[in-house]
Amino acid sequence: MLSTWLRRPVLPTALAAGLLLPGCGSGLFPEPESQELPVYQVSQAEQVWATPYRLGEEWRFRNAAGYERRYQVKGLADQQLPGIALGSQRVQYYRQGLSARLERVDSGYVARPDQDKYLATFSMKAAVPKTTELLTVELTWGPSRLQLPATAQPAALPADVRLLPTATLGTRQYQNVWEYTSLLTSAARVPAGAVRQVYYTKENGVVRFVEANGTVWDRQ
C-alpha cells in the first residue's frame, strides 16, 4: 500500500506548508538533539482509510439529470512529521503523515484562482502513544472539513454523523457508510461549492454528496 505513496510533497502550497519534511532547513522546527528519535507509523489496519487514494484514480459522479463530474487523485505524499512535546523546544518524535489531493477534471469545470483549485484533500496522521496525539483522518470536500471516525465508536459520534450499516445510493449498494449532515453554516452567503451532506466509506471514499441547492451526485 505505502509503495503507492510519493516520498516528496506534492500538495498545494497552503497544505504542504503544514506538512514540511524534517531537516529541510526551513527554520520552522527546531533541530533534534539526536537522530535516534521514535518514529510512529500508521498501522496496516489503519491504512485502509487511505485505500481510495491511488494516484490517477478517478471518482465519477452523476446527478439525476445525467450530468457527470469526475475528480482525479492528482497528488500523494508520505512524510515524517516532527512532534514537539509541550514545554520543549526540540523535536521529540516523528509521526507518519499520509496525504492526497483530488482535482475536478471533467469538461464542465472552469478553473478558479489557484487558492480554490483543488476540490478535496485527504490527510492521515499516525497516533503517538502516551500523548494526546491520536490517529487523525480528515477530508476537506469543497469548503467542508470532515473528521473521519477512524477511532470513534458509533455511540460516540457527533449528532450530525451516523453510521449506516447498508445504503443504496444511486445504483450501487455500500456497507458501513458514514453520513455527514448539517454541513451548511448559518452564514447568509453560501460559499461556492458548499455541500449539505456527504456520504463516505473507508473503501471507496466519497460515494454521494448533496450540494447546497439540493442536487444529489452519486458515485458511478
N, C-alpha and C. Protein backbone atom coordinates (compact mmCIF):
# COMPACT_ATOMS: atom_id res chain seq x y z
N MET A 1 0.82 -1.21 0.00
CA MET A 1 0.00 0.00 0.00
C MET A 1 0.86 1.26 0.00
N LEU A 2 1.85 1.33 0.93
CA LEU A 2 2.64 2.54 1.04
C LEU A 2 3.53 2.77 -0.16
N SER A 3 3.81 1.71 -0.94
CA SER A 3 4.64 1.88 -2.12
C SER A 3 3.98 2.79 -3.14
N THR A 4 2.68 2.98 -3.05
CA THR A 4 1.97 3.85 -3.99
C THR A 4 2.03 5.31 -3.57
N TRP A 5 2.58 5.60 -2.41
CA TRP A 5 2.62 6.99 -1.92
C TRP A 5 3.96 7.61 -2.27
N LEU A 6 3.93 8.84 -2.78
CA LEU A 6 5.14 9.54 -3.14
C LEU A 6 5.90 9.95 -1.89
N ARG A 7 7.20 10.07 -2.04
CA ARG A 7 8.04 10.43 -0.91
C ARG A 7 8.34 11.92 -0.85
N ARG A 8 7.86 12.68 -1.79
CA ARG A 8 8.08 14.12 -1.76
C ARG A 8 6.73 14.81 -1.78
N PRO A 9 6.60 15.95 -1.07
CA PRO A 9 5.29 16.60 -1.01
C PRO A 9 4.85 17.09 -2.37
N VAL A 10 3.58 16.85 -2.69
CA VAL A 10 3.04 17.29 -3.97
C VAL A 10 1.73 18.02 -3.76
N LEU A 11 1.49 18.49 -2.56
CA LEU A 11 0.22 19.15 -2.24
C LEU A 11 0.31 20.63 -2.57
N PRO A 12 -0.83 21.30 -2.63
CA PRO A 12 -0.82 22.75 -2.81
C PRO A 12 -0.01 23.42 -1.71
N THR A 13 0.52 24.60 -2.01
CA THR A 13 1.40 25.28 -1.07
C THR A 13 0.79 25.43 0.31
N ALA A 14 -0.47 25.82 0.38
CA ALA A 14 -1.11 26.06 1.67
C ALA A 14 -1.18 24.81 2.51
N LEU A 15 -1.41 23.65 1.86
CA LEU A 15 -1.50 22.40 2.62
C LEU A 15 -0.11 21.87 2.92
N ALA A 16 0.79 21.95 1.94
CA ALA A 16 2.13 21.40 2.13
C ALA A 16 2.88 22.13 3.22
N ALA A 17 2.56 23.42 3.44
CA ALA A 17 3.25 24.19 4.47
C ALA A 17 3.07 23.56 5.83
N GLY A 18 1.98 22.89 6.05
CA GLY A 18 1.73 22.24 7.33
C GLY A 18 2.28 20.85 7.40
N LEU A 19 2.90 20.39 6.29
CA LEU A 19 3.40 19.01 6.24
C LEU A 19 4.84 18.98 5.78
N LEU A 20 5.64 19.94 6.24
CA LEU A 20 7.03 20.02 5.81
C LEU A 20 7.83 18.85 6.32
N LEU A 21 8.75 18.39 5.49
CA LEU A 21 9.63 17.31 5.90
C LEU A 21 10.67 17.82 6.88
N PRO A 22 11.05 17.00 7.89
CA PRO A 22 12.07 17.43 8.84
C PRO A 22 13.42 17.54 8.16
N GLY A 23 14.25 18.43 8.74
CA GLY A 23 15.61 18.53 8.25
C GLY A 23 15.72 19.27 6.93
N CYS A 24 14.70 20.00 6.51
CA CYS A 24 14.75 20.67 5.22
C CYS A 24 15.32 22.08 5.35
N GLY A 25 15.74 22.45 6.57
CA GLY A 25 16.37 23.74 6.74
C GLY A 25 15.42 24.91 6.65
N SER A 26 14.15 24.68 6.92
CA SER A 26 13.16 25.76 6.81
C SER A 26 13.22 26.72 7.98
N GLY A 27 13.74 26.23 9.12
CA GLY A 27 13.77 27.06 10.31
C GLY A 27 12.48 27.07 11.08
N LEU A 28 11.46 26.39 10.56
CA LEU A 28 10.17 26.38 11.25
C LEU A 28 10.17 25.44 12.44
N PHE A 29 11.01 24.41 12.42
CA PHE A 29 11.06 23.44 13.50
C PHE A 29 12.49 23.38 14.05
N PRO A 30 12.64 23.31 15.38
CA PRO A 30 13.98 23.16 15.95
C PRO A 30 14.59 21.84 15.53
N GLU A 31 15.92 21.81 15.42
CA GLU A 31 16.60 20.57 15.08
C GLU A 31 16.67 19.66 16.32
N PRO A 32 16.50 18.34 16.15
CA PRO A 32 16.57 17.43 17.29
C PRO A 32 18.00 17.28 17.78
N GLU A 33 18.16 16.91 19.08
CA GLU A 33 19.48 16.67 19.62
C GLU A 33 20.09 15.41 19.04
N SER A 34 19.28 14.46 18.73
CA SER A 34 19.76 13.19 18.20
C SER A 34 18.84 12.74 17.09
N GLN A 35 19.42 12.02 16.12
CA GLN A 35 18.60 11.49 15.04
C GLN A 35 17.89 10.21 15.45
N GLU A 36 18.27 9.62 16.59
CA GLU A 36 17.64 8.38 17.04
C GLU A 36 16.39 8.70 17.84
N LEU A 37 15.39 9.16 17.16
CA LEU A 37 14.13 9.52 17.79
C LEU A 37 13.06 8.53 17.36
N PRO A 38 12.05 8.32 18.21
CA PRO A 38 10.98 7.39 17.83
C PRO A 38 10.20 7.90 16.62
N VAL A 39 9.83 6.97 15.76
CA VAL A 39 9.02 7.27 14.58
C VAL A 39 7.76 6.43 14.66
N TYR A 40 6.61 7.07 14.72
CA TYR A 40 5.33 6.37 14.87
C TYR A 40 4.66 6.28 13.51
N GLN A 41 4.33 5.05 13.12
CA GLN A 41 3.80 4.78 11.80
C GLN A 41 2.30 4.49 11.85
N VAL A 42 1.64 4.74 10.73
CA VAL A 42 0.25 4.31 10.56
C VAL A 42 0.25 2.79 10.42
N SER A 43 -0.57 2.11 11.20
CA SER A 43 -0.57 0.64 11.18
C SER A 43 -1.22 0.11 9.91
N GLN A 44 -0.97 -1.18 9.64
CA GLN A 44 -1.58 -1.82 8.47
C GLN A 44 -3.10 -1.74 8.54
N ALA A 45 -3.66 -1.96 9.73
CA ALA A 45 -5.11 -1.91 9.87
C ALA A 45 -5.65 -0.50 9.61
N GLU A 46 -4.90 0.51 10.03
CA GLU A 46 -5.35 1.90 9.85
C GLU A 46 -5.22 2.37 8.40
N GLN A 47 -4.31 1.74 7.66
CA GLN A 47 -4.07 2.17 6.28
C GLN A 47 -5.28 1.99 5.37
N VAL A 48 -6.27 1.20 5.82
CA VAL A 48 -7.46 1.00 4.99
C VAL A 48 -8.16 2.33 4.71
N TRP A 49 -8.01 3.31 5.60
CA TRP A 49 -8.61 4.62 5.37
C TRP A 49 -7.99 5.33 4.16
N ALA A 50 -6.79 4.94 3.78
CA ALA A 50 -6.13 5.56 2.63
C ALA A 50 -6.36 4.78 1.34
N THR A 51 -7.09 3.67 1.41
CA THR A 51 -7.31 2.81 0.25
C THR A 51 -7.86 3.55 -0.97
N PRO A 52 -8.83 4.47 -0.83
CA PRO A 52 -9.41 5.09 -2.03
C PRO A 52 -8.47 6.01 -2.80
N TYR A 53 -7.33 6.35 -2.20
CA TYR A 53 -6.48 7.39 -2.77
C TYR A 53 -5.28 6.77 -3.48
N ARG A 54 -5.49 6.38 -4.72
CA ARG A 54 -4.44 5.84 -5.57
C ARG A 54 -4.16 6.85 -6.67
N LEU A 55 -2.90 7.11 -6.93
CA LEU A 55 -2.53 8.13 -7.90
C LEU A 55 -3.18 7.82 -9.25
N GLY A 56 -3.88 8.80 -9.80
CA GLY A 56 -4.55 8.64 -11.09
C GLY A 56 -5.97 8.11 -11.01
N GLU A 57 -6.38 7.63 -9.84
CA GLU A 57 -7.74 7.09 -9.67
C GLU A 57 -8.78 8.20 -9.89
N GLU A 58 -9.85 7.86 -10.61
CA GLU A 58 -10.92 8.82 -10.85
C GLU A 58 -12.18 8.44 -10.10
N TRP A 59 -12.79 9.43 -9.49
CA TRP A 59 -14.09 9.26 -8.85
C TRP A 59 -15.12 9.92 -9.77
N ARG A 60 -16.05 9.12 -10.28
CA ARG A 60 -17.07 9.62 -11.20
C ARG A 60 -18.42 9.71 -10.48
N PHE A 61 -19.07 10.83 -10.65
CA PHE A 61 -20.38 11.06 -10.04
C PHE A 61 -21.37 11.48 -11.13
N ARG A 62 -22.65 11.17 -10.91
CA ARG A 62 -23.70 11.56 -11.85
C ARG A 62 -24.91 12.05 -11.07
N ASN A 63 -25.60 13.05 -11.63
CA ASN A 63 -26.82 13.53 -10.98
C ASN A 63 -28.05 13.01 -11.73
N ALA A 64 -29.24 13.35 -11.24
CA ALA A 64 -30.48 12.83 -11.82
C ALA A 64 -30.69 13.29 -13.26
N ALA A 65 -30.10 14.42 -13.63
CA ALA A 65 -30.24 14.94 -14.99
C ALA A 65 -29.27 14.30 -15.97
N GLY A 66 -28.39 13.43 -15.47
CA GLY A 66 -27.45 12.74 -16.35
C GLY A 66 -26.10 13.42 -16.49
N TYR A 67 -25.90 14.55 -15.83
CA TYR A 67 -24.61 15.22 -15.90
C TYR A 67 -23.58 14.46 -15.06
N GLU A 68 -22.33 14.51 -15.51
CA GLU A 68 -21.27 13.76 -14.83
C GLU A 68 -20.19 14.70 -14.33
N ARG A 69 -19.65 14.36 -13.19
CA ARG A 69 -18.46 15.04 -12.66
C ARG A 69 -17.39 14.00 -12.38
N ARG A 70 -16.15 14.40 -12.65
CA ARG A 70 -15.03 13.49 -12.42
C ARG A 70 -13.97 14.20 -11.58
N TYR A 71 -13.53 13.49 -10.56
CA TYR A 71 -12.48 14.00 -9.69
C TYR A 71 -11.34 12.99 -9.69
N GLN A 72 -10.13 13.47 -9.88
CA GLN A 72 -8.98 12.57 -10.01
C GLN A 72 -7.96 12.82 -8.91
N VAL A 73 -7.39 11.71 -8.40
CA VAL A 73 -6.31 11.82 -7.41
C VAL A 73 -5.06 12.27 -8.15
N LYS A 74 -4.63 13.48 -7.88
CA LYS A 74 -3.52 14.09 -8.62
C LYS A 74 -2.21 14.11 -7.85
N GLY A 75 -2.25 13.96 -6.54
CA GLY A 75 -1.02 14.03 -5.78
C GLY A 75 -1.10 13.26 -4.48
N LEU A 76 0.02 12.65 -4.10
CA LEU A 76 0.12 11.89 -2.85
C LEU A 76 1.40 12.29 -2.13
N ALA A 77 1.41 12.15 -0.82
CA ALA A 77 2.63 12.40 -0.05
C ALA A 77 2.67 11.46 1.15
N ASP A 78 3.86 10.96 1.45
CA ASP A 78 4.11 10.13 2.63
C ASP A 78 5.27 10.78 3.36
N GLN A 79 5.02 11.35 4.54
CA GLN A 79 6.02 12.16 5.21
C GLN A 79 6.18 11.78 6.67
N GLN A 80 7.30 12.18 7.25
CA GLN A 80 7.54 12.05 8.68
C GLN A 80 7.42 13.44 9.29
N LEU A 81 6.40 13.63 10.10
CA LEU A 81 6.09 14.95 10.65
C LEU A 81 6.70 15.11 12.03
N PRO A 82 7.44 16.19 12.29
CA PRO A 82 8.08 16.38 13.59
C PRO A 82 7.09 16.71 14.69
N GLY A 83 7.33 16.17 15.87
CA GLY A 83 6.49 16.45 17.03
C GLY A 83 7.32 17.06 18.15
N ILE A 84 6.81 18.13 18.73
CA ILE A 84 7.50 18.82 19.82
C ILE A 84 6.64 18.70 21.07
N ALA A 85 7.19 18.12 22.12
CA ALA A 85 6.44 17.92 23.36
C ALA A 85 6.15 19.27 24.02
N LEU A 86 5.05 19.31 24.77
CA LEU A 86 4.65 20.53 25.46
C LEU A 86 5.76 21.00 26.39
N GLY A 87 6.13 22.26 26.29
CA GLY A 87 7.16 22.83 27.14
C GLY A 87 8.56 22.59 26.63
N SER A 88 8.71 21.92 25.50
CA SER A 88 10.03 21.63 24.95
C SER A 88 10.28 22.49 23.72
N GLN A 89 11.54 22.69 23.40
CA GLN A 89 11.91 23.44 22.21
C GLN A 89 12.56 22.55 21.16
N ARG A 90 12.54 21.24 21.39
CA ARG A 90 13.20 20.34 20.46
C ARG A 90 12.25 19.27 19.96
N VAL A 91 12.56 18.76 18.78
CA VAL A 91 11.77 17.66 18.22
C VAL A 91 11.94 16.44 19.10
N GLN A 92 10.83 15.83 19.51
CA GLN A 92 10.85 14.67 20.40
C GLN A 92 10.57 13.36 19.66
N TYR A 93 9.87 13.46 18.54
CA TYR A 93 9.49 12.25 17.80
C TYR A 93 9.04 12.67 16.41
N TYR A 94 8.83 11.67 15.58
CA TYR A 94 8.22 11.89 14.27
C TYR A 94 7.00 10.99 14.14
N ARG A 95 5.99 11.48 13.44
CA ARG A 95 4.81 10.67 13.17
C ARG A 95 4.55 10.67 11.67
N GLN A 96 4.16 9.52 11.17
CA GLN A 96 3.90 9.40 9.75
C GLN A 96 2.65 10.19 9.35
N GLY A 97 2.73 10.86 8.22
CA GLY A 97 1.57 11.57 7.69
C GLY A 97 1.36 11.20 6.23
N LEU A 98 0.18 10.70 5.92
CA LEU A 98 -0.20 10.40 4.53
C LEU A 98 -1.18 11.47 4.08
N SER A 99 -1.05 11.93 2.86
CA SER A 99 -1.96 12.96 2.37
C SER A 99 -2.16 12.82 0.87
N ALA A 100 -3.28 13.35 0.41
CA ALA A 100 -3.63 13.26 -1.01
C ALA A 100 -4.46 14.47 -1.40
N ARG A 101 -4.47 14.75 -2.68
CA ARG A 101 -5.35 15.81 -3.19
C ARG A 101 -6.08 15.29 -4.43
N LEU A 102 -7.30 15.76 -4.60
CA LEU A 102 -8.10 15.45 -5.78
C LEU A 102 -8.45 16.74 -6.50
N GLU A 103 -8.49 16.67 -7.83
CA GLU A 103 -8.89 17.82 -8.63
C GLU A 103 -10.06 17.42 -9.52
N ARG A 104 -10.91 18.36 -9.77
CA ARG A 104 -12.01 18.11 -10.71
C ARG A 104 -11.46 18.19 -12.13
N VAL A 105 -11.75 17.17 -12.96
CA VAL A 105 -11.15 17.08 -14.28
C VAL A 105 -12.17 16.95 -15.41
N ASP A 106 -13.48 17.02 -15.12
CA ASP A 106 -14.46 16.89 -16.20
C ASP A 106 -14.50 18.17 -17.03
N SER A 107 -15.03 18.06 -18.25
CA SER A 107 -15.00 19.18 -19.20
C SER A 107 -15.89 20.34 -18.77
N GLY A 108 -16.83 20.10 -17.85
CA GLY A 108 -17.71 21.17 -17.40
C GLY A 108 -17.10 22.06 -16.35
N TYR A 109 -15.88 21.77 -15.94
CA TYR A 109 -15.26 22.52 -14.85
C TYR A 109 -14.50 23.72 -15.39
N VAL A 110 -14.71 24.87 -14.81
CA VAL A 110 -13.97 26.08 -15.16
C VAL A 110 -13.03 26.38 -14.01
N ALA A 111 -11.73 26.39 -14.29
CA ALA A 111 -10.73 26.58 -13.24
C ALA A 111 -10.91 27.93 -12.56
N ARG A 112 -10.80 27.92 -11.25
CA ARG A 112 -10.87 29.13 -10.44
C ARG A 112 -9.46 29.54 -10.05
N PRO A 113 -9.30 30.64 -9.32
CA PRO A 113 -7.96 31.03 -8.88
C PRO A 113 -7.27 29.90 -8.13
N ASP A 114 -5.94 29.97 -8.07
CA ASP A 114 -5.14 28.87 -7.51
C ASP A 114 -5.59 28.44 -6.13
N GLN A 115 -5.97 29.40 -5.27
CA GLN A 115 -6.31 29.03 -3.90
C GLN A 115 -7.58 28.19 -3.83
N ASP A 116 -8.38 28.18 -4.90
CA ASP A 116 -9.61 27.40 -4.91
C ASP A 116 -9.53 26.23 -5.89
N LYS A 117 -8.35 25.94 -6.40
CA LYS A 117 -8.23 24.98 -7.50
C LYS A 117 -8.59 23.56 -7.10
N TYR A 118 -8.17 23.15 -5.90
CA TYR A 118 -8.31 21.75 -5.53
C TYR A 118 -9.63 21.50 -4.81
N LEU A 119 -10.37 20.56 -5.34
CA LEU A 119 -11.67 20.29 -4.73
C LEU A 119 -11.54 19.64 -3.37
N ALA A 120 -10.61 18.69 -3.22
CA ALA A 120 -10.58 17.89 -2.00
C ALA A 120 -9.16 17.56 -1.59
N THR A 121 -8.95 17.44 -0.29
CA THR A 121 -7.69 16.96 0.26
C THR A 121 -7.98 15.95 1.35
N PHE A 122 -7.10 14.97 1.46
CA PHE A 122 -7.20 13.92 2.48
C PHE A 122 -5.91 13.93 3.26
N SER A 123 -6.00 13.76 4.58
CA SER A 123 -4.79 13.66 5.39
C SER A 123 -4.99 12.66 6.52
N MET A 124 -3.91 12.01 6.86
CA MET A 124 -3.94 10.98 7.90
C MET A 124 -2.63 11.06 8.68
N LYS A 125 -2.71 11.14 10.02
CA LYS A 125 -1.52 11.23 10.86
C LYS A 125 -1.54 10.13 11.89
N ALA A 126 -0.40 9.48 12.06
CA ALA A 126 -0.30 8.37 12.99
C ALA A 126 -0.48 8.83 14.43
N ALA A 127 -0.96 7.92 15.26
CA ALA A 127 -1.10 8.20 16.69
C ALA A 127 0.27 8.17 17.37
N VAL A 128 0.39 8.92 18.45
CA VAL A 128 1.61 8.93 19.26
C VAL A 128 1.25 8.40 20.64
N PRO A 129 1.76 7.22 21.02
CA PRO A 129 1.40 6.64 22.32
C PRO A 129 1.74 7.56 23.49
N LYS A 130 0.89 7.49 24.54
CA LYS A 130 1.11 8.22 25.78
C LYS A 130 1.11 9.74 25.59
N THR A 131 0.43 10.20 24.55
CA THR A 131 0.26 11.64 24.33
C THR A 131 -1.19 11.88 23.92
N THR A 132 -1.51 13.14 23.69
CA THR A 132 -2.87 13.48 23.23
C THR A 132 -2.97 13.41 21.71
N GLU A 133 -1.87 13.03 21.04
CA GLU A 133 -1.87 12.95 19.58
C GLU A 133 -2.45 11.61 19.14
N LEU A 134 -3.75 11.60 18.87
CA LEU A 134 -4.42 10.38 18.42
C LEU A 134 -4.32 10.26 16.90
N LEU A 135 -4.67 9.08 16.40
CA LEU A 135 -4.79 8.91 14.96
C LEU A 135 -5.82 9.90 14.44
N THR A 136 -5.44 10.70 13.45
CA THR A 136 -6.38 11.66 12.88
C THR A 136 -6.51 11.41 11.38
N VAL A 137 -7.75 11.42 10.92
CA VAL A 137 -8.05 11.25 9.49
C VAL A 137 -9.04 12.33 9.11
N GLU A 138 -8.68 13.15 8.13
CA GLU A 138 -9.52 14.28 7.74
C GLU A 138 -9.73 14.32 6.23
N LEU A 139 -10.90 14.80 5.84
CA LEU A 139 -11.20 15.04 4.43
C LEU A 139 -11.76 16.44 4.30
N THR A 140 -11.20 17.21 3.38
CA THR A 140 -11.77 18.51 3.04
C THR A 140 -12.44 18.37 1.68
N TRP A 141 -13.75 18.57 1.66
CA TRP A 141 -14.54 18.42 0.42
C TRP A 141 -15.22 19.76 0.16
N GLY A 142 -14.73 20.49 -0.86
CA GLY A 142 -15.21 21.85 -1.03
C GLY A 142 -14.83 22.65 0.21
N PRO A 143 -15.72 23.47 0.73
CA PRO A 143 -15.40 24.25 1.93
C PRO A 143 -15.63 23.48 3.24
N SER A 144 -16.07 22.22 3.16
CA SER A 144 -16.38 21.45 4.37
C SER A 144 -15.19 20.58 4.79
N ARG A 145 -14.87 20.62 6.07
CA ARG A 145 -13.82 19.76 6.62
C ARG A 145 -14.46 18.69 7.49
N LEU A 146 -14.20 17.43 7.16
CA LEU A 146 -14.81 16.31 7.87
C LEU A 146 -13.76 15.56 8.66
N GLN A 147 -14.05 15.29 9.92
CA GLN A 147 -13.22 14.41 10.73
C GLN A 147 -13.73 13.00 10.51
N LEU A 148 -12.94 12.16 9.86
CA LEU A 148 -13.37 10.79 9.61
C LEU A 148 -13.18 9.97 10.88
N PRO A 149 -14.18 9.16 11.25
CA PRO A 149 -14.19 8.50 12.57
C PRO A 149 -13.32 7.25 12.62
N ALA A 150 -12.02 7.43 12.44
CA ALA A 150 -11.11 6.28 12.43
C ALA A 150 -11.00 5.62 13.79
N THR A 151 -11.22 6.37 14.86
CA THR A 151 -11.08 5.81 16.21
C THR A 151 -12.37 5.85 17.01
N ALA A 152 -13.38 6.54 16.52
CA ALA A 152 -14.61 6.71 17.30
C ALA A 152 -15.55 5.53 17.14
N GLN A 153 -16.19 5.15 18.23
CA GLN A 153 -17.26 4.16 18.19
C GLN A 153 -18.55 4.87 17.76
N PRO A 154 -19.47 4.14 17.09
CA PRO A 154 -20.72 4.78 16.64
C PRO A 154 -21.45 5.55 17.73
N ALA A 155 -21.43 5.03 18.96
CA ALA A 155 -22.15 5.70 20.05
C ALA A 155 -21.51 7.03 20.42
N ALA A 156 -20.24 7.23 20.05
CA ALA A 156 -19.54 8.45 20.42
C ALA A 156 -19.50 9.47 19.30
N LEU A 157 -20.18 9.22 18.19
CA LEU A 157 -20.15 10.12 17.05
C LEU A 157 -20.94 11.40 17.35
N PRO A 158 -20.56 12.51 16.71
CA PRO A 158 -21.36 13.74 16.84
C PRO A 158 -22.78 13.51 16.35
N ALA A 159 -23.69 14.39 16.76
CA ALA A 159 -25.10 14.22 16.42
C ALA A 159 -25.36 14.27 14.92
N ASP A 160 -24.51 14.99 14.17
CA ASP A 160 -24.74 15.12 12.74
C ASP A 160 -23.97 14.10 11.91
N VAL A 161 -23.43 13.06 12.57
CA VAL A 161 -22.74 11.98 11.86
C VAL A 161 -23.32 10.66 12.33
N ARG A 162 -23.67 9.80 11.38
CA ARG A 162 -24.18 8.49 11.77
C ARG A 162 -23.66 7.42 10.83
N LEU A 163 -23.60 6.20 11.33
CA LEU A 163 -23.14 5.05 10.55
C LEU A 163 -24.34 4.29 10.01
N LEU A 164 -24.39 4.14 8.68
CA LEU A 164 -25.44 3.36 8.04
C LEU A 164 -24.86 1.98 7.72
N PRO A 165 -25.36 0.91 8.33
CA PRO A 165 -24.81 -0.43 8.07
C PRO A 165 -24.83 -0.80 6.59
N THR A 166 -25.92 -0.46 5.90
CA THR A 166 -26.02 -0.64 4.45
C THR A 166 -26.77 0.56 3.88
N ALA A 167 -26.45 0.90 2.64
CA ALA A 167 -27.14 2.02 1.99
C ALA A 167 -27.07 1.83 0.48
N THR A 168 -28.20 2.03 -0.18
CA THR A 168 -28.24 2.03 -1.64
C THR A 168 -28.25 3.48 -2.09
N LEU A 169 -27.20 3.88 -2.78
CA LEU A 169 -27.03 5.26 -3.23
C LEU A 169 -26.91 5.23 -4.74
N GLY A 170 -27.91 5.76 -5.41
CA GLY A 170 -27.94 5.63 -6.87
C GLY A 170 -28.18 4.19 -7.25
N THR A 171 -27.29 3.63 -8.04
CA THR A 171 -27.42 2.24 -8.49
C THR A 171 -26.51 1.28 -7.73
N ARG A 172 -25.80 1.78 -6.74
CA ARG A 172 -24.83 0.94 -6.03
C ARG A 172 -25.20 0.79 -4.56
N GLN A 173 -24.85 -0.35 -4.03
CA GLN A 173 -25.08 -0.60 -2.60
C GLN A 173 -23.75 -0.63 -1.88
N TYR A 174 -23.72 0.00 -0.71
CA TYR A 174 -22.50 0.09 0.09
C TYR A 174 -22.77 -0.41 1.50
N GLN A 175 -21.69 -0.80 2.18
CA GLN A 175 -21.79 -1.19 3.58
C GLN A 175 -20.97 -0.24 4.42
N ASN A 176 -21.44 -0.02 5.63
CA ASN A 176 -20.74 0.85 6.59
C ASN A 176 -20.46 2.23 5.98
N VAL A 177 -21.54 2.94 5.75
CA VAL A 177 -21.47 4.27 5.15
C VAL A 177 -21.58 5.32 6.25
N TRP A 178 -20.64 6.26 6.26
CA TRP A 178 -20.70 7.36 7.22
C TRP A 178 -21.46 8.51 6.57
N GLU A 179 -22.54 8.93 7.21
CA GLU A 179 -23.37 10.01 6.68
C GLU A 179 -23.11 11.29 7.48
N TYR A 180 -22.70 12.33 6.78
CA TYR A 180 -22.46 13.64 7.40
C TYR A 180 -23.57 14.58 6.96
N THR A 181 -24.30 15.11 7.91
CA THR A 181 -25.39 16.03 7.61
C THR A 181 -25.10 17.39 8.25
N SER A 182 -25.95 18.34 7.98
CA SER A 182 -25.84 19.68 8.59
C SER A 182 -24.49 20.31 8.34
N LEU A 183 -23.96 20.16 7.12
CA LEU A 183 -22.65 20.74 6.81
C LEU A 183 -22.73 22.21 6.44
N LEU A 184 -23.92 22.68 6.10
CA LEU A 184 -24.08 24.09 5.76
C LEU A 184 -24.04 24.95 7.02
N THR A 185 -23.37 26.08 6.92
CA THR A 185 -23.33 27.01 8.05
C THR A 185 -24.56 27.91 7.99
N SER A 186 -24.72 28.72 9.01
CA SER A 186 -25.85 29.65 9.06
C SER A 186 -25.54 30.97 8.37
N ALA A 187 -24.38 31.03 7.70
CA ALA A 187 -24.00 32.27 7.02
C ALA A 187 -25.02 32.63 5.94
N ALA A 188 -25.26 33.92 5.79
CA ALA A 188 -26.25 34.37 4.80
C ALA A 188 -25.79 34.03 3.39
N ARG A 189 -24.48 34.08 3.16
CA ARG A 189 -23.93 33.79 1.84
C ARG A 189 -23.32 32.39 1.84
N VAL A 190 -23.85 31.51 1.01
CA VAL A 190 -23.34 30.14 0.95
C VAL A 190 -22.06 30.11 0.13
N PRO A 191 -20.96 29.55 0.65
CA PRO A 191 -19.70 29.50 -0.10
C PRO A 191 -19.84 28.70 -1.39
N ALA A 192 -19.04 29.05 -2.39
CA ALA A 192 -19.05 28.31 -3.65
C ALA A 192 -18.66 26.86 -3.39
N GLY A 193 -19.38 25.94 -4.00
CA GLY A 193 -19.08 24.53 -3.84
C GLY A 193 -19.55 23.93 -2.54
N ALA A 194 -20.37 24.67 -1.77
CA ALA A 194 -20.81 24.17 -0.47
C ALA A 194 -21.71 22.94 -0.63
N VAL A 195 -21.60 22.03 0.31
CA VAL A 195 -22.43 20.83 0.31
C VAL A 195 -23.18 20.75 1.64
N ARG A 196 -24.35 20.11 1.60
CA ARG A 196 -25.13 19.95 2.82
C ARG A 196 -24.97 18.56 3.42
N GLN A 197 -24.62 17.57 2.56
CA GLN A 197 -24.43 16.20 3.04
C GLN A 197 -23.30 15.53 2.27
N VAL A 198 -22.58 14.64 2.96
CA VAL A 198 -21.55 13.82 2.33
C VAL A 198 -21.68 12.40 2.88
N TYR A 199 -21.55 11.42 1.99
CA TYR A 199 -21.59 10.00 2.38
C TYR A 199 -20.23 9.40 2.03
N TYR A 200 -19.66 8.65 2.98
CA TYR A 200 -18.26 8.23 2.85
C TYR A 200 -18.09 6.80 3.33
N THR A 201 -17.25 6.02 2.62
CA THR A 201 -16.85 4.70 3.11
C THR A 201 -15.33 4.60 3.10
N LYS A 202 -14.80 3.77 3.97
CA LYS A 202 -13.35 3.59 4.04
C LYS A 202 -12.79 3.07 2.73
N GLU A 203 -13.52 2.17 2.10
CA GLU A 203 -13.01 1.50 0.91
C GLU A 203 -13.13 2.33 -0.36
N ASN A 204 -14.11 3.24 -0.41
CA ASN A 204 -14.40 3.97 -1.64
C ASN A 204 -14.20 5.47 -1.56
N GLY A 205 -14.11 6.03 -0.37
CA GLY A 205 -14.08 7.47 -0.25
C GLY A 205 -15.48 8.04 -0.32
N VAL A 206 -15.64 9.20 -0.96
CA VAL A 206 -16.96 9.83 -1.08
C VAL A 206 -17.80 9.04 -2.08
N VAL A 207 -19.00 8.63 -1.66
CA VAL A 207 -19.89 7.87 -2.54
C VAL A 207 -21.15 8.66 -2.90
N ARG A 208 -21.41 9.73 -2.20
CA ARG A 208 -22.51 10.64 -2.55
C ARG A 208 -22.24 11.98 -1.87
N PHE A 209 -22.60 13.06 -2.57
CA PHE A 209 -22.64 14.36 -1.90
C PHE A 209 -23.84 15.13 -2.42
N VAL A 210 -24.38 15.96 -1.55
CA VAL A 210 -25.57 16.75 -1.87
C VAL A 210 -25.19 18.22 -1.78
N GLU A 211 -25.35 18.92 -2.88
CA GLU A 211 -24.97 20.33 -2.91
C GLU A 211 -25.97 21.19 -2.12
N ALA A 212 -25.57 22.42 -1.89
CA ALA A 212 -26.41 23.34 -1.11
C ALA A 212 -27.78 23.54 -1.75
N ASN A 213 -27.84 23.46 -3.09
CA ASN A 213 -29.12 23.65 -3.79
C ASN A 213 -29.96 22.38 -3.85
N GLY A 214 -29.48 21.29 -3.24
CA GLY A 214 -30.23 20.05 -3.21
C GLY A 214 -29.85 19.04 -4.28
N THR A 215 -28.98 19.40 -5.22
CA THR A 215 -28.57 18.46 -6.27
C THR A 215 -27.77 17.31 -5.67
N VAL A 216 -28.17 16.09 -6.01
CA VAL A 216 -27.53 14.89 -5.48
C VAL A 216 -26.59 14.32 -6.54
N TRP A 217 -25.36 14.03 -6.13
CA TRP A 217 -24.36 13.42 -7.02
C TRP A 217 -23.98 12.06 -6.44
N ASP A 218 -24.24 11.00 -7.22
CA ASP A 218 -23.95 9.64 -6.78
C ASP A 218 -22.74 9.08 -7.52
N ARG A 219 -21.95 8.34 -6.77
CA ARG A 219 -20.75 7.70 -7.33
C ARG A 219 -21.15 6.63 -8.35
N GLN A 220 -20.40 6.58 -9.45
CA GLN A 220 -20.67 5.60 -10.51
C GLN A 220 -19.66 4.46 -10.47
